[in-house]
N, C-alpha and C. Protein backbone atom coordinates (compact mmCIF):
# COMPACT_ATOMS: atom_id res chain seq x y z
N UNK A 1 -1.32 -1.37 10.83
CA UNK A 1 -0.79 -2.67 10.41
C UNK A 1 -1.20 -3.04 9.00
N UNK A 2 -2.16 -2.33 8.42
CA UNK A 2 -2.60 -2.64 7.06
C UNK A 2 -3.94 -3.36 7.04
N UNK A 3 -4.28 -3.92 5.89
CA UNK A 3 -5.50 -4.70 5.74
C UNK A 3 -5.34 -5.99 6.53
N UNK A 4 -6.34 -6.32 7.32
CA UNK A 4 -6.20 -7.38 8.32
C UNK A 4 -7.24 -8.47 8.11
N UNK A 5 -6.81 -9.73 8.20
CA UNK A 5 -7.72 -10.89 8.16
C UNK A 5 -7.43 -11.73 9.39
N UNK A 6 -8.50 -12.11 10.12
CA UNK A 6 -8.32 -12.84 11.36
C UNK A 6 -9.23 -14.07 11.41
N UNK A 7 -8.79 -15.05 12.19
CA UNK A 7 -9.61 -16.21 12.51
C UNK A 7 -9.45 -16.49 13.99
N UNK A 8 -10.56 -16.79 14.68
CA UNK A 8 -10.52 -17.05 16.11
C UNK A 8 -11.12 -18.44 16.39
N UNK A 9 -10.56 -19.08 17.43
CA UNK A 9 -10.99 -20.43 17.81
C UNK A 9 -11.29 -20.43 19.31
N UNK A 10 -12.41 -21.00 19.66
CA UNK A 10 -12.85 -21.02 21.05
C UNK A 10 -12.05 -22.04 21.85
N UNK A 11 -11.44 -21.62 22.96
CA UNK A 11 -10.74 -22.53 23.86
C UNK A 11 -11.60 -22.91 25.05
N UNK A 12 -12.24 -21.94 25.63
CA UNK A 12 -13.20 -22.18 26.70
C UNK A 12 -14.07 -20.93 26.82
N UNK A 13 -14.86 -20.85 27.85
CA UNK A 13 -15.81 -19.74 27.99
C UNK A 13 -15.09 -18.39 28.08
N UNK A 14 -13.87 -18.40 28.58
CA UNK A 14 -13.17 -17.15 28.85
C UNK A 14 -12.10 -16.79 27.81
N UNK A 15 -11.72 -17.75 26.97
CA UNK A 15 -10.57 -17.50 26.11
C UNK A 15 -10.79 -17.98 24.67
N UNK A 16 -10.26 -17.18 23.74
CA UNK A 16 -10.16 -17.54 22.32
C UNK A 16 -8.69 -17.51 21.92
N UNK A 17 -8.33 -18.36 20.97
CA UNK A 17 -7.04 -18.26 20.30
C UNK A 17 -7.28 -17.59 18.96
N UNK A 18 -6.52 -16.53 18.67
CA UNK A 18 -6.76 -15.75 17.46
C UNK A 18 -5.49 -15.66 16.62
N UNK A 19 -5.64 -15.86 15.32
CA UNK A 19 -4.55 -15.75 14.36
C UNK A 19 -4.88 -14.60 13.42
N UNK A 20 -3.91 -13.73 13.15
CA UNK A 20 -4.17 -12.56 12.29
C UNK A 20 -3.05 -12.39 11.28
N UNK A 21 -3.41 -11.90 10.12
CA UNK A 21 -2.45 -11.57 9.08
C UNK A 21 -2.73 -10.18 8.54
N UNK A 22 -1.66 -9.41 8.28
CA UNK A 22 -1.80 -8.03 7.84
C UNK A 22 -0.93 -7.78 6.62
N UNK A 23 -1.45 -6.96 5.69
CA UNK A 23 -0.65 -6.62 4.51
C UNK A 23 -1.07 -5.24 4.01
N UNK A 24 -0.08 -4.47 3.54
CA UNK A 24 -0.37 -3.15 2.99
C UNK A 24 0.87 -2.70 2.22
N UNK A 25 0.63 -1.98 1.12
CA UNK A 25 1.74 -1.44 0.32
C UNK A 25 1.35 -0.06 -0.17
N UNK A 26 2.31 0.86 -0.08
CA UNK A 26 2.05 2.23 -0.54
C UNK A 26 3.35 2.81 -1.09
N UNK A 27 3.27 3.45 -2.25
CA UNK A 27 4.44 4.06 -2.88
C UNK A 27 4.27 5.57 -2.95
N UNK A 28 5.37 6.28 -2.79
CA UNK A 28 5.35 7.74 -2.89
C UNK A 28 6.66 8.19 -3.52
N UNK A 29 6.58 9.23 -4.35
CA UNK A 29 7.74 9.70 -5.08
C UNK A 29 8.05 11.17 -4.76
N UNK A 30 9.30 11.54 -5.03
CA UNK A 30 9.73 12.95 -4.97
C UNK A 30 9.60 13.57 -3.58
N UNK A 31 10.01 12.82 -2.56
CA UNK A 31 10.12 13.37 -1.22
C UNK A 31 11.50 14.00 -1.08
N UNK A 32 11.56 15.25 -0.65
CA UNK A 32 12.85 15.95 -0.52
C UNK A 32 13.22 16.12 0.94
N UNK A 33 14.45 15.74 1.28
CA UNK A 33 14.96 15.93 2.63
C UNK A 33 16.48 15.99 2.61
N UNK A 34 17.07 16.96 3.28
CA UNK A 34 18.52 17.12 3.40
C UNK A 34 19.23 17.17 2.04
N UNK A 35 18.51 17.59 0.99
CA UNK A 35 19.09 17.65 -0.34
C UNK A 35 18.85 16.41 -1.17
N UNK A 36 18.35 15.33 -0.55
CA UNK A 36 18.06 14.09 -1.26
C UNK A 36 16.64 14.11 -1.81
N UNK A 37 16.44 13.47 -2.95
CA UNK A 37 15.10 13.21 -3.47
C UNK A 37 14.85 11.72 -3.36
N UNK A 38 13.78 11.33 -2.67
CA UNK A 38 13.50 9.93 -2.37
C UNK A 38 12.25 9.44 -3.09
N UNK A 39 12.34 8.25 -3.66
CA UNK A 39 11.18 7.51 -4.16
C UNK A 39 11.06 6.28 -3.27
N UNK A 40 9.97 6.19 -2.50
CA UNK A 40 9.91 5.17 -1.46
C UNK A 40 8.71 4.26 -1.54
N UNK A 41 8.83 3.13 -0.81
CA UNK A 41 7.76 2.16 -0.69
C UNK A 41 7.57 1.79 0.77
N UNK A 42 6.33 1.90 1.24
CA UNK A 42 5.96 1.42 2.56
C UNK A 42 5.40 0.02 2.40
N UNK A 43 6.04 -0.96 3.05
CA UNK A 43 5.61 -2.35 2.95
C UNK A 43 5.28 -2.87 4.34
N UNK A 44 4.03 -3.28 4.53
CA UNK A 44 3.60 -3.87 5.79
C UNK A 44 3.16 -5.31 5.53
N UNK A 45 3.74 -6.24 6.26
CA UNK A 45 3.35 -7.65 6.16
C UNK A 45 3.68 -8.31 7.48
N UNK A 46 2.67 -8.86 8.16
CA UNK A 46 2.89 -9.44 9.48
C UNK A 46 1.88 -10.54 9.75
N UNK A 47 2.28 -11.50 10.56
CA UNK A 47 1.39 -12.57 11.03
C UNK A 47 1.56 -12.68 12.54
N UNK A 48 0.45 -12.72 13.25
CA UNK A 48 0.51 -12.80 14.70
C UNK A 48 -0.48 -13.78 15.28
N UNK A 49 -0.24 -14.19 16.51
CA UNK A 49 -1.17 -15.03 17.27
C UNK A 49 -1.39 -14.35 18.62
N UNK A 50 -2.58 -14.47 19.14
CA UNK A 50 -2.87 -13.86 20.44
C UNK A 50 -3.89 -14.69 21.19
N UNK A 51 -3.87 -14.53 22.50
CA UNK A 51 -4.82 -15.18 23.38
C UNK A 51 -5.78 -14.13 23.89
N UNK A 52 -7.03 -14.21 23.47
CA UNK A 52 -8.05 -13.24 23.90
C UNK A 52 -8.68 -13.72 25.21
N UNK A 53 -8.52 -12.94 26.26
CA UNK A 53 -9.10 -13.28 27.56
C UNK A 53 -10.26 -12.34 27.85
N UNK A 54 -11.42 -12.92 28.10
CA UNK A 54 -12.65 -12.17 28.38
C UNK A 54 -13.00 -12.36 29.86
N UNK A 55 -12.68 -11.40 30.72
CA UNK A 55 -12.98 -11.56 32.15
C UNK A 55 -14.48 -11.64 32.43
N UNK A 56 -15.28 -11.05 31.53
CA UNK A 56 -16.74 -11.11 31.66
C UNK A 56 -17.28 -11.72 30.36
N UNK A 57 -17.43 -13.04 30.28
CA UNK A 57 -17.69 -13.72 29.01
C UNK A 57 -18.88 -13.21 28.23
N UNK A 58 -19.90 -12.72 28.90
CA UNK A 58 -21.09 -12.25 28.18
C UNK A 58 -20.95 -10.82 27.67
N UNK A 59 -19.81 -10.23 27.92
CA UNK A 59 -19.53 -8.88 27.43
C UNK A 59 -18.28 -8.92 26.56
N UNK A 60 -18.08 -7.89 25.76
CA UNK A 60 -17.03 -7.95 24.75
C UNK A 60 -15.65 -7.53 25.19
N UNK A 61 -15.50 -6.97 26.40
CA UNK A 61 -14.19 -6.47 26.80
C UNK A 61 -13.19 -7.61 26.88
N UNK A 62 -11.96 -7.35 26.38
CA UNK A 62 -10.93 -8.40 26.41
C UNK A 62 -9.55 -7.79 26.56
N UNK A 63 -8.62 -8.63 27.00
CA UNK A 63 -7.20 -8.32 27.05
C UNK A 63 -6.49 -9.41 26.27
N UNK A 64 -5.55 -9.02 25.40
CA UNK A 64 -4.99 -9.99 24.44
C UNK A 64 -3.47 -9.91 24.36
N UNK A 65 -2.75 -10.70 25.15
CA UNK A 65 -1.31 -10.84 24.93
C UNK A 65 -1.06 -11.74 23.72
N UNK A 66 0.07 -11.52 23.04
CA UNK A 66 0.33 -12.33 21.86
C UNK A 66 1.75 -12.18 21.35
N UNK A 67 1.99 -12.76 20.19
CA UNK A 67 3.30 -12.71 19.53
C UNK A 67 3.13 -12.36 18.06
N UNK A 68 3.98 -11.48 17.59
CA UNK A 68 4.10 -11.20 16.16
C UNK A 68 5.19 -12.15 15.65
N UNK A 69 4.76 -13.26 15.03
CA UNK A 69 5.71 -14.31 14.68
C UNK A 69 6.37 -14.07 13.33
N UNK A 70 5.76 -13.27 12.48
CA UNK A 70 6.34 -12.89 11.19
C UNK A 70 6.14 -11.41 11.02
N UNK A 71 7.23 -10.68 10.72
CA UNK A 71 7.15 -9.23 10.64
C UNK A 71 8.11 -8.72 9.57
N UNK A 72 7.55 -8.19 8.49
CA UNK A 72 8.36 -7.59 7.43
C UNK A 72 7.97 -6.12 7.23
N UNK A 73 7.54 -5.46 8.30
CA UNK A 73 7.17 -4.06 8.22
C UNK A 73 8.41 -3.20 8.01
N UNK A 74 8.34 -2.30 7.03
CA UNK A 74 9.48 -1.43 6.80
C UNK A 74 9.27 -0.51 5.61
N UNK A 75 10.27 0.30 5.35
CA UNK A 75 10.26 1.26 4.26
C UNK A 75 11.54 1.09 3.46
N UNK A 76 11.44 1.11 2.14
CA UNK A 76 12.61 1.09 1.28
C UNK A 76 12.52 2.27 0.31
N UNK A 77 13.67 2.76 -0.13
CA UNK A 77 13.67 3.93 -0.99
C UNK A 77 14.94 3.99 -1.82
N UNK A 78 14.83 4.63 -2.97
CA UNK A 78 15.99 5.01 -3.75
C UNK A 78 16.21 6.50 -3.55
N UNK A 79 17.48 6.91 -3.53
CA UNK A 79 17.82 8.31 -3.24
C UNK A 79 18.70 8.87 -4.34
N UNK A 80 18.43 10.10 -4.73
CA UNK A 80 19.26 10.79 -5.71
C UNK A 80 19.50 12.22 -5.25
N UNK A 81 20.63 12.77 -5.68
CA UNK A 81 20.92 14.19 -5.45
C UNK A 81 21.19 14.80 -6.83
N UNK A 82 20.36 15.72 -7.24
CA UNK A 82 20.51 16.32 -8.57
C UNK A 82 21.90 16.90 -8.74
N UNK A 83 22.48 16.72 -9.93
CA UNK A 83 23.81 17.26 -10.20
C UNK A 83 23.86 18.77 -10.01
N UNK A 84 24.93 19.25 -9.38
CA UNK A 84 25.09 20.68 -9.14
C UNK A 84 24.37 21.19 -7.92
N UNK A 85 23.76 20.28 -7.12
CA UNK A 85 23.09 20.70 -5.88
C UNK A 85 23.81 20.07 -4.69
N UNK A 86 23.53 20.57 -3.50
CA UNK A 86 24.22 20.09 -2.29
C UNK A 86 23.28 19.24 -1.45
N UNK A 87 23.88 18.43 -0.58
CA UNK A 87 23.13 17.66 0.40
C UNK A 87 23.89 17.68 1.71
N UNK A 88 23.22 17.35 2.79
CA UNK A 88 23.79 17.48 4.13
C UNK A 88 23.77 16.16 4.87
N UNK A 89 24.90 15.80 5.45
CA UNK A 89 25.01 14.63 6.33
C UNK A 89 25.79 15.04 7.57
N UNK A 90 25.22 14.78 8.73
CA UNK A 90 25.90 15.10 10.00
C UNK A 90 26.34 16.56 10.04
N UNK A 91 25.48 17.46 9.53
CA UNK A 91 25.71 18.91 9.50
C UNK A 91 26.88 19.32 8.61
N UNK A 92 27.27 18.45 7.68
CA UNK A 92 28.33 18.76 6.72
C UNK A 92 27.73 18.76 5.32
N UNK A 93 28.02 19.80 4.55
CA UNK A 93 27.48 19.92 3.20
C UNK A 93 28.42 19.29 2.17
N UNK A 94 27.80 18.61 1.19
CA UNK A 94 28.52 18.02 0.08
C UNK A 94 27.83 18.42 -1.21
N UNK A 95 28.60 18.45 -2.32
CA UNK A 95 28.05 18.86 -3.60
C UNK A 95 28.06 17.68 -4.56
N UNK A 96 26.92 17.44 -5.19
CA UNK A 96 26.76 16.34 -6.12
C UNK A 96 27.29 16.74 -7.49
N UNK A 97 28.05 15.83 -8.10
CA UNK A 97 28.67 16.11 -9.39
C UNK A 97 27.62 16.36 -10.48
N UNK A 98 27.90 17.37 -11.31
CA UNK A 98 27.03 17.63 -12.44
C UNK A 98 27.12 16.50 -13.46
N UNK A 99 28.32 15.99 -13.68
CA UNK A 99 28.52 14.93 -14.68
C UNK A 99 28.06 13.57 -14.17
N UNK A 100 28.18 13.32 -12.85
CA UNK A 100 27.83 12.02 -12.28
C UNK A 100 27.15 12.22 -10.93
N UNK A 101 25.84 12.51 -10.92
CA UNK A 101 25.12 12.80 -9.68
C UNK A 101 25.15 11.63 -8.70
N UNK A 102 25.07 11.95 -7.43
CA UNK A 102 25.08 10.96 -6.36
C UNK A 102 23.76 10.19 -6.33
N UNK A 103 23.84 8.87 -6.19
CA UNK A 103 22.66 8.01 -6.05
C UNK A 103 22.90 7.03 -4.92
N UNK A 104 21.82 6.52 -4.33
CA UNK A 104 21.95 5.57 -3.24
C UNK A 104 20.65 4.87 -2.92
N UNK A 105 20.68 4.06 -1.88
CA UNK A 105 19.50 3.33 -1.42
C UNK A 105 19.33 3.57 0.07
N UNK A 106 18.10 3.40 0.54
CA UNK A 106 17.81 3.57 1.96
C UNK A 106 16.71 2.61 2.37
N UNK A 107 16.75 2.18 3.64
CA UNK A 107 15.68 1.33 4.16
C UNK A 107 15.51 1.58 5.65
N UNK A 108 14.30 1.37 6.11
CA UNK A 108 13.96 1.44 7.52
C UNK A 108 13.26 0.14 7.88
N UNK A 109 13.86 -0.65 8.78
CA UNK A 109 13.29 -1.93 9.18
C UNK A 109 12.70 -1.81 10.58
N UNK A 110 11.47 -2.30 10.73
CA UNK A 110 10.76 -2.23 12.00
C UNK A 110 10.54 -3.65 12.53
N UNK A 111 11.61 -4.41 12.60
CA UNK A 111 11.47 -5.82 12.95
C UNK A 111 12.74 -6.40 13.57
N UNK A 112 13.43 -5.62 14.39
CA UNK A 112 14.68 -6.11 14.95
C UNK A 112 14.47 -7.18 16.02
N UNK A 113 13.28 -7.28 16.60
CA UNK A 113 12.99 -8.31 17.61
C UNK A 113 12.00 -9.31 17.02
N UNK A 114 12.45 -10.56 16.89
CA UNK A 114 11.61 -11.61 16.30
C UNK A 114 11.67 -12.87 17.17
N UNK A 115 10.52 -13.41 17.60
CA UNK A 115 9.19 -12.80 17.47
C UNK A 115 9.05 -11.61 18.42
N UNK A 116 8.05 -10.80 18.19
CA UNK A 116 7.82 -9.60 19.00
C UNK A 116 6.57 -9.80 19.86
N UNK A 117 6.68 -9.44 21.13
CA UNK A 117 5.54 -9.52 22.04
C UNK A 117 4.54 -8.43 21.70
N UNK A 118 3.26 -8.75 21.76
CA UNK A 118 2.19 -7.78 21.54
C UNK A 118 1.23 -7.80 22.71
N UNK A 119 0.63 -6.67 22.98
CA UNK A 119 -0.43 -6.59 23.98
C UNK A 119 -1.47 -5.60 23.49
N UNK A 120 -2.71 -6.03 23.48
CA UNK A 120 -3.81 -5.15 23.06
C UNK A 120 -4.97 -5.32 24.03
N UNK A 121 -5.85 -4.37 23.98
CA UNK A 121 -7.12 -4.47 24.66
C UNK A 121 -8.19 -3.95 23.72
N UNK A 122 -9.41 -4.32 23.97
CA UNK A 122 -10.46 -3.88 23.06
C UNK A 122 -11.82 -4.43 23.44
N UNK A 123 -12.70 -4.38 22.46
CA UNK A 123 -14.09 -4.79 22.70
C UNK A 123 -14.57 -5.56 21.48
N UNK A 124 -15.29 -6.63 21.74
CA UNK A 124 -15.88 -7.41 20.66
C UNK A 124 -15.36 -8.83 20.65
N UNK A 125 -16.27 -9.79 20.77
CA UNK A 125 -15.92 -11.20 20.77
C UNK A 125 -16.28 -11.81 19.42
N UNK A 126 -15.28 -12.27 18.67
CA UNK A 126 -15.54 -12.85 17.37
C UNK A 126 -16.34 -14.15 17.46
N UNK A 127 -16.27 -14.82 18.61
CA UNK A 127 -17.06 -16.03 18.84
C UNK A 127 -18.08 -15.70 19.91
N UNK A 128 -19.30 -15.48 19.50
CA UNK A 128 -20.34 -15.00 20.41
C UNK A 128 -20.63 -16.01 21.51
N UNK A 129 -20.78 -15.53 22.74
CA UNK A 129 -21.21 -16.37 23.86
C UNK A 129 -22.73 -16.34 24.01
N UNK A 130 -23.38 -15.58 23.13
CA UNK A 130 -24.84 -15.45 23.20
C UNK A 130 -25.53 -16.03 21.98
N UNK A 131 -24.77 -16.61 21.07
CA UNK A 131 -25.38 -17.25 19.92
C UNK A 131 -25.52 -16.39 18.69
N UNK A 132 -25.06 -15.14 18.72
CA UNK A 132 -25.14 -14.29 17.55
C UNK A 132 -24.04 -14.62 16.54
N UNK A 133 -24.15 -14.05 15.36
CA UNK A 133 -23.17 -14.31 14.30
C UNK A 133 -22.27 -13.12 14.01
N UNK A 134 -22.78 -11.90 14.10
CA UNK A 134 -22.01 -10.72 13.69
C UNK A 134 -21.44 -10.00 14.90
N UNK A 135 -20.24 -9.48 14.75
CA UNK A 135 -19.64 -8.64 15.77
C UNK A 135 -18.74 -7.61 15.09
N UNK A 136 -18.40 -6.58 15.84
CA UNK A 136 -17.61 -5.47 15.29
C UNK A 136 -16.43 -5.20 16.23
N UNK A 137 -15.40 -6.06 16.17
CA UNK A 137 -14.30 -5.95 17.12
C UNK A 137 -13.43 -4.72 16.90
N UNK A 138 -12.99 -4.17 18.02
CA UNK A 138 -12.09 -3.02 18.05
C UNK A 138 -10.95 -3.34 19.01
N UNK A 139 -9.72 -2.96 18.65
CA UNK A 139 -8.62 -3.15 19.58
C UNK A 139 -7.56 -2.08 19.41
N UNK A 140 -6.83 -1.85 20.49
CA UNK A 140 -5.74 -0.89 20.49
C UNK A 140 -4.63 -1.43 21.38
N UNK A 141 -3.39 -1.21 20.98
CA UNK A 141 -2.27 -1.70 21.77
C UNK A 141 -0.96 -1.44 21.06
N UNK A 142 0.01 -2.34 21.26
CA UNK A 142 1.32 -2.14 20.68
C UNK A 142 2.04 -3.47 20.50
N UNK A 143 2.96 -3.47 19.53
CA UNK A 143 3.89 -4.58 19.34
C UNK A 143 5.28 -4.07 19.70
N UNK A 144 6.01 -4.84 20.50
CA UNK A 144 7.33 -4.42 20.96
C UNK A 144 8.37 -4.99 20.00
N UNK A 145 8.56 -4.28 18.88
CA UNK A 145 9.33 -4.80 17.75
C UNK A 145 10.83 -4.54 17.85
N UNK A 146 11.26 -3.81 18.87
CA UNK A 146 12.68 -3.50 19.01
C UNK A 146 13.06 -2.22 18.31
N UNK A 147 14.30 -1.81 18.48
CA UNK A 147 14.77 -0.54 17.91
C UNK A 147 14.77 -0.58 16.39
N UNK A 148 14.26 0.45 15.73
CA UNK A 148 14.29 0.51 14.26
C UNK A 148 15.72 0.52 13.74
N UNK A 149 15.91 -0.06 12.58
CA UNK A 149 17.22 -0.12 11.94
C UNK A 149 17.18 0.67 10.64
N UNK A 150 18.10 1.62 10.50
CA UNK A 150 18.21 2.43 9.30
C UNK A 150 19.44 1.98 8.51
N UNK A 151 19.26 1.74 7.22
CA UNK A 151 20.37 1.40 6.34
C UNK A 151 20.38 2.37 5.16
N UNK A 152 21.49 3.05 4.97
CA UNK A 152 21.66 3.97 3.84
C UNK A 152 23.03 3.70 3.23
N UNK A 153 23.09 3.61 1.92
CA UNK A 153 24.37 3.36 1.25
C UNK A 153 24.39 4.10 -0.08
N UNK A 154 25.55 4.65 -0.42
CA UNK A 154 25.76 5.23 -1.74
C UNK A 154 26.09 4.11 -2.73
N UNK A 155 25.47 4.18 -3.89
CA UNK A 155 25.71 3.15 -4.90
C UNK A 155 26.39 3.70 -6.14
N UNK A 156 26.56 5.02 -6.23
CA UNK A 156 27.22 5.60 -7.40
C UNK A 156 27.27 7.10 -7.32
N UNK A 157 27.89 7.71 -8.30
CA UNK A 157 28.00 9.16 -8.37
C UNK A 157 29.24 9.69 -7.69
N UNK A 158 29.41 11.00 -7.79
CA UNK A 158 30.59 11.64 -7.24
C UNK A 158 30.21 12.88 -6.44
N UNK A 159 31.05 13.20 -5.44
CA UNK A 159 30.93 14.47 -4.71
C UNK A 159 32.13 15.33 -5.11
N UNK A 160 31.87 16.64 -5.19
CA UNK A 160 32.87 17.56 -5.74
C UNK A 160 33.15 18.71 -4.78
N UNK A 161 34.29 19.34 -4.98
CA UNK A 161 34.70 20.45 -4.13
C UNK A 161 34.02 21.76 -4.52
N UNK A 162 33.60 21.89 -5.79
CA UNK A 162 32.97 23.12 -6.24
C UNK A 162 31.51 23.18 -5.85
N UNK A 163 30.99 24.37 -5.53
CA UNK A 163 29.60 24.50 -5.09
C UNK A 163 28.59 24.22 -6.19
N UNK A 164 29.02 24.13 -7.44
CA UNK A 164 28.09 23.85 -8.53
C UNK A 164 28.28 22.45 -9.09
N UNK A 165 28.91 21.56 -8.30
CA UNK A 165 29.10 20.19 -8.74
C UNK A 165 30.24 20.01 -9.70
N UNK A 166 31.21 20.90 -9.66
CA UNK A 166 32.40 20.80 -10.51
C UNK A 166 33.64 20.79 -9.61
N UNK A 167 34.79 21.05 -10.19
CA UNK A 167 36.02 21.05 -9.41
C UNK A 167 36.53 19.64 -9.20
N UNK A 168 37.31 19.44 -8.15
CA UNK A 168 37.85 18.11 -7.86
C UNK A 168 36.76 17.21 -7.31
N UNK A 169 36.60 16.03 -7.92
CA UNK A 169 35.51 15.12 -7.55
C UNK A 169 36.07 13.77 -7.13
N UNK A 170 35.35 13.10 -6.22
CA UNK A 170 35.70 11.74 -5.80
C UNK A 170 34.44 10.88 -5.82
N UNK A 171 34.63 9.58 -5.96
CA UNK A 171 33.49 8.67 -5.95
C UNK A 171 32.84 8.64 -4.58
N UNK A 172 31.52 8.76 -4.55
CA UNK A 172 30.79 8.78 -3.29
C UNK A 172 30.96 7.47 -2.52
N UNK A 173 31.02 6.35 -3.23
CA UNK A 173 31.12 5.05 -2.57
C UNK A 173 32.41 4.94 -1.76
N UNK A 174 33.50 5.49 -2.29
CA UNK A 174 34.79 5.32 -1.63
C UNK A 174 35.30 6.52 -0.86
N UNK A 175 34.50 7.59 -0.76
CA UNK A 175 34.94 8.80 -0.07
C UNK A 175 34.87 8.58 1.44
N UNK A 176 36.03 8.52 2.11
CA UNK A 176 36.08 8.19 3.54
C UNK A 176 35.33 9.19 4.40
N UNK A 177 35.58 10.48 4.19
CA UNK A 177 34.92 11.52 4.99
C UNK A 177 33.40 11.46 4.82
N UNK A 178 32.96 11.30 3.59
CA UNK A 178 31.53 11.23 3.31
C UNK A 178 30.89 10.07 4.05
N UNK A 179 31.51 8.90 4.00
CA UNK A 179 30.90 7.73 4.61
C UNK A 179 30.98 7.74 6.14
N UNK A 180 32.00 8.39 6.69
CA UNK A 180 32.04 8.57 8.15
C UNK A 180 30.86 9.44 8.60
N UNK A 181 30.62 10.53 7.89
CA UNK A 181 29.49 11.40 8.25
C UNK A 181 28.15 10.72 7.97
N UNK A 182 28.11 9.84 6.97
CA UNK A 182 26.89 9.09 6.71
C UNK A 182 26.56 8.19 7.91
N UNK A 183 27.54 7.49 8.45
CA UNK A 183 27.30 6.62 9.60
C UNK A 183 26.88 7.42 10.83
N UNK A 184 27.47 8.60 11.00
CA UNK A 184 27.07 9.46 12.12
C UNK A 184 25.63 9.93 11.95
N UNK A 185 25.24 10.25 10.71
CA UNK A 185 23.87 10.69 10.44
C UNK A 185 22.88 9.54 10.68
N UNK A 186 23.26 8.33 10.27
CA UNK A 186 22.39 7.16 10.50
C UNK A 186 22.15 6.97 11.99
N UNK A 187 23.19 7.14 12.81
CA UNK A 187 23.02 7.01 14.26
C UNK A 187 22.03 8.04 14.80
N UNK A 188 22.07 9.25 14.26
CA UNK A 188 21.12 10.28 14.69
C UNK A 188 19.70 9.92 14.28
N UNK A 189 19.54 9.43 13.04
CA UNK A 189 18.20 9.02 12.58
C UNK A 189 17.65 7.90 13.45
N UNK A 190 18.49 6.91 13.75
CA UNK A 190 18.02 5.79 14.58
C UNK A 190 17.63 6.26 15.97
N UNK A 191 18.37 7.22 16.51
CA UNK A 191 18.01 7.78 17.82
C UNK A 191 16.65 8.49 17.76
N UNK A 192 16.41 9.25 16.67
CA UNK A 192 15.13 9.95 16.52
C UNK A 192 13.97 8.97 16.39
N UNK A 193 14.24 7.78 15.86
CA UNK A 193 13.18 6.81 15.59
C UNK A 193 12.94 5.83 16.73
N UNK A 194 13.63 6.03 17.87
CA UNK A 194 13.49 5.11 18.99
C UNK A 194 12.04 4.89 19.46
N UNK A 195 11.16 5.92 19.41
CA UNK A 195 9.78 5.67 19.83
C UNK A 195 9.09 4.57 19.03
N UNK A 196 9.56 4.28 17.81
CA UNK A 196 8.91 3.27 16.98
C UNK A 196 9.27 1.85 17.39
N UNK A 197 10.07 1.67 18.45
CA UNK A 197 10.28 0.31 18.94
C UNK A 197 9.02 -0.23 19.59
N UNK A 198 8.07 0.66 19.90
CA UNK A 198 6.75 0.27 20.35
C UNK A 198 5.78 0.57 19.21
N UNK A 199 5.59 -0.42 18.35
CA UNK A 199 4.81 -0.18 17.13
C UNK A 199 3.32 -0.18 17.46
N UNK A 200 2.59 0.88 17.14
CA UNK A 200 1.18 0.97 17.52
C UNK A 200 0.29 0.01 16.74
N UNK A 201 -0.70 -0.50 17.42
CA UNK A 201 -1.71 -1.36 16.79
C UNK A 201 -3.07 -0.72 17.04
N UNK A 202 -3.81 -0.49 15.98
CA UNK A 202 -5.16 0.05 16.07
C UNK A 202 -5.98 -0.59 14.96
N UNK A 203 -7.07 -1.24 15.32
CA UNK A 203 -7.86 -1.92 14.29
C UNK A 203 -9.34 -1.90 14.65
N UNK A 204 -10.14 -1.94 13.59
CA UNK A 204 -11.59 -2.05 13.71
C UNK A 204 -12.07 -2.89 12.54
N UNK A 205 -12.99 -3.79 12.79
CA UNK A 205 -13.42 -4.65 11.70
C UNK A 205 -14.81 -5.23 11.90
N UNK A 206 -15.16 -6.13 11.00
CA UNK A 206 -16.44 -6.84 11.03
C UNK A 206 -16.13 -8.33 11.05
N UNK A 207 -16.75 -9.09 11.97
CA UNK A 207 -16.50 -10.51 12.10
C UNK A 207 -17.81 -11.30 11.99
N UNK A 208 -17.68 -12.53 11.50
CA UNK A 208 -18.84 -13.42 11.39
C UNK A 208 -18.50 -14.75 12.09
N UNK A 209 -19.38 -15.17 12.97
CA UNK A 209 -19.21 -16.41 13.71
C UNK A 209 -19.97 -17.53 12.98
N UNK A 210 -19.24 -18.56 12.53
CA UNK A 210 -19.85 -19.67 11.81
C UNK A 210 -20.55 -20.67 12.73
N UNK A 211 -20.43 -20.47 14.05
CA UNK A 211 -21.13 -21.33 14.98
C UNK A 211 -20.48 -22.68 15.16
N UNK A 212 -19.22 -22.83 14.76
CA UNK A 212 -18.50 -24.10 14.93
C UNK A 212 -17.84 -24.12 16.30
N UNK A 213 -18.18 -25.09 17.10
CA UNK A 213 -17.65 -25.19 18.48
C UNK A 213 -16.86 -26.49 18.63
């Protein structure tokens, strides 16, 4: 989920209300797949609330149902196909124009269900029942964010009949056959990504109890 900041509030001996925020950003360039070269950004940003239930108050074990009320987790990328090279969509090969190479955009959204239910379990009570200040909470679980959504679109360039990016060429944006196969390929990608509708949560941290009750 990224770098995480949390605050917990005591409700009673058995329960805390916890608010968490997560953020992370990572960029990577020159990823090659199916003939495309991708420059991408991983963006994680989420806010959640959960109810921590401690069946044994003097021990740290807990179960925490909750909601991911804000979720902007996803990946965005720009895509290019070098002129004179081929790329594949739906098992069909296309050739990128030497004079006007194919370019496009792509995104993967992991937030089709809003808000998303979360369930975690773990160890560590941020609000000590024994009067201590420091704790080291750990949790593992999942957010049920719904089926991932893939968006890919051509924004320019041409595809050509010649294997070296020459011959008869058409604009990638308006090529009917190309875009039909693009939609078929997107459906395959979304099917492959179905396991990510259960987004994993794994965290470990350090907490300080200010002793405010």
